[in-house]
Amino acid sequence: MERCIFVEIAGKQYPMSFSLGATKKIIGKFGSTQNMMKKLKKVQKPDNPENPGEAKPDNPENQEEKNMELSERDSLEALETISFILEVLIAQGCAYKNYFEKDLPAPVNAPIEDGKWIPLPKEALDIAIQIADTKKIVEKISECVNQGSKKKIEAKAAGKNPKAAQG
């Protein structure tokens, strides 16, 4: 099972991991992963000003307005949420790679210095990511959270119990 999802930032492939450590930091800030995802969804589907709480339908007239529809407070909150979560997930992904996969081949454009994966601090993320990139970044964050939340279930083949057959 793949533990990391990669996101490209400033030409480098950064690993993201929704680990126990990431979950603890996210719950500490947002109260739950569900609250975090609600904040992220504001970037993907802004509320319809005519019917608050209802997503504005997608049509060509709305495409240019999407980034401008959120109130200033909601916009700032959503962007801060992206920066915080991305910093946490990338830090956890780099730590995972450094602890458990340091001997595995890395992508050519991996952020590795002296054999170690180097995460980006929030300030660098805020500089590198453009507003046009936020939707794709949120999709990558959602992919990482969904992958990290999946339960791995192993099924055993149903067959006769050898001891019962001997009896």
Foldseek 3Di string as FASTA:
>chain_A
DDQWFWDDFPRATFTFGCDPQLQVVCCVVQVHVVSLLVLQVCLVFPADPVDGPHGDDDDPVCPVCSLVPDDPVSNVSSVVSLLVSQQSRRVVRQVCCQPPVLPPDDDPRACDDPSGGDGDHSVVRVVGDDSVCSNVSSVSSVVNVVVNPDDDDDDDDDDDDPVVVVD
